[in-house]
Amino acid sequence: MSVQTIVDSAYGFGVNKNTVAKEFGLIVRRRRLAAGMSQETLADEASCHPTYISLVERGLRNPSLDTMLRLADALDCPGWKLVKETEAALG
């Protein structure tokens, strides 16, 4: 299932785009902490700025597909798994 499909289906259930970003960010944060990584380390490994990681984790930015896949790779997890966990969190 694509990120756009999740967003489209979320809107159908009264969940807005900000909620999707917030859930995705929480999942990234949980996985980062479970891996024992700092935001700086994740940023380095995903070729992002640490401030951007903070914004994603707080649901204030929606990463592009490219960035999402780099985050997933840095977190040693497939991109689809981040999407699936976001979808499950949205109910």
Foldseek 3Di string as FASTA:
>chain_A
DDLVVLQVVLVVVVHHLLLLLQLLLCVLVVLCVVVVHDLCQLCVQLVHHSVVNVCSNRSNDDDDPSSLQSSCVSSVHGSVVSSVSSSVVSD
